[in-house]
Amino acid sequence: MEEKKTLNYTFEERLKELRADKGVGQIELAKAIGVSNGIISLWENGLREPKLSNLIALSKYFQVSLDFIAGLID
């Protein structure tokens, strides 16, 4: 019997994955959601956590749910 692999992403991993899938750089994403250039890097490296307003902007930009971007669902 095959074991089903469960993917558990962190916010940092999910953000990197979404950016890569869309082919967008950190600077372009920062401009699109209205944050400073370096903040995307800080989020992706786990050095800062985004505010709820930024999570909402990210979910709208990538057209995914907040649960998805937070890594709560696959």
Protein backbone atom coordinates (compact mmCIF):
# COMPACT_ATOMS: atom_id res chain seq x y z
CA MET A 1 0.00 0.00 0.00
CA GLU A 2 1.35 3.38 -1.00
CA GLU A 3 1.71 6.00 1.71
CA LYS A 4 0.18 9.35 0.83
CA LYS A 5 2.66 12.17 1.20
CA THR A 6 1.29 15.21 3.00
CA LEU A 7 2.81 18.54 2.09
CA ASN A 8 3.13 20.95 4.96
CA TYR A 9 4.38 24.29 3.80
CA THR A 10 5.41 27.21 5.92
CA PHE A 11 4.44 30.71 4.85
CA GLU A 12 8.03 31.32 3.74
CA GLU A 13 8.10 28.24 1.50
CA ARG A 14 4.66 28.95 0.08
CA LEU A 15 5.57 32.56 -0.79
CA LYS A 16 8.73 31.44 -2.59
CA GLU A 17 6.76 28.77 -4.46
CA LEU A 18 4.03 31.21 -5.52
CA ARG A 19 6.59 33.75 -6.74
CA ALA A 20 8.47 31.10 -8.71
CA ASP A 21 5.26 29.74 -10.26
CA LYS A 22 4.23 33.21 -11.36
CA GLY A 23 7.77 34.16 -12.46
CA VAL A 24 7.81 37.34 -10.41
CA GLY A 25 10.81 38.78 -8.58
CA GLN A 26 10.87 40.14 -5.06
CA ILE A 27 11.06 43.77 -6.18
CA GLU A 28 8.19 43.40 -8.64
CA LEU A 29 6.04 41.71 -6.00
CA ALA A 30 6.87 44.37 -3.41
CA LYS A 31 5.79 47.13 -5.81
CA ALA A 32 2.60 45.26 -6.73
CA ILE A 33 1.42 44.93 -3.13
CA GLY A 34 2.80 48.25 -1.86
CA VAL A 35 5.60 47.21 0.51
CA SER A 36 9.29 48.12 0.62
CA ASN A 37 11.69 46.18 -1.60
CA GLY A 38 13.46 44.30 1.19
CA ILE A 39 10.38 43.11 3.06
CA ILE A 40 9.72 40.19 0.69
CA SER A 41 13.20 38.85 1.40
CA LEU A 42 12.66 39.24 5.15
CA TRP A 43 9.37 37.31 4.91
CA GLU A 44 10.90 34.55 2.76
CA ASN A 45 13.79 34.13 5.20
CA GLY A 46 11.53 34.02 8.23
CA LEU A 47 12.96 37.20 9.72
CA ARG A 48 9.64 39.07 9.72
CA GLU A 49 5.99 38.11 9.57
CA PRO A 50 3.55 39.98 7.35
CA LYS A 51 0.63 41.96 8.76
CA LEU A 52 -2.85 40.72 7.98
CA SER A 53 -3.27 43.50 5.41
CA ASN A 54 -0.16 42.24 3.61
CA LEU A 55 -1.38 38.64 3.69
CA ILE A 56 -4.65 39.79 2.13
CA ALA A 57 -2.74 41.71 -0.57
CA LEU A 58 -0.62 38.62 -1.29
CA SER A 59 -3.64 36.34 -1.51
CA LYS A 60 -5.36 38.72 -3.92
CA TYR A 61 -2.20 39.12 -6.02
CA PHE A 62 -1.66 35.37 -6.32
CA GLN A 63 -5.42 34.61 -6.38
CA VAL A 64 -5.21 32.08 -3.55
CA SER A 65 -6.89 31.81 -0.15
CA LEU A 66 -5.34 33.06 3.07
CA ASP A 67 -5.26 29.46 4.33
CA PHE A 68 -3.30 28.42 1.24
CA ILE A 69 -0.73 31.22 1.46
CA ALA A 70 -0.28 30.53 5.17
CA GLY A 71 0.47 26.88 4.39
CA LEU A 72 -2.56 25.59 6.30
CA ILE A 73 -4.02 23.79 3.26
CA ASP A 74 -2.58 22.39 0.05
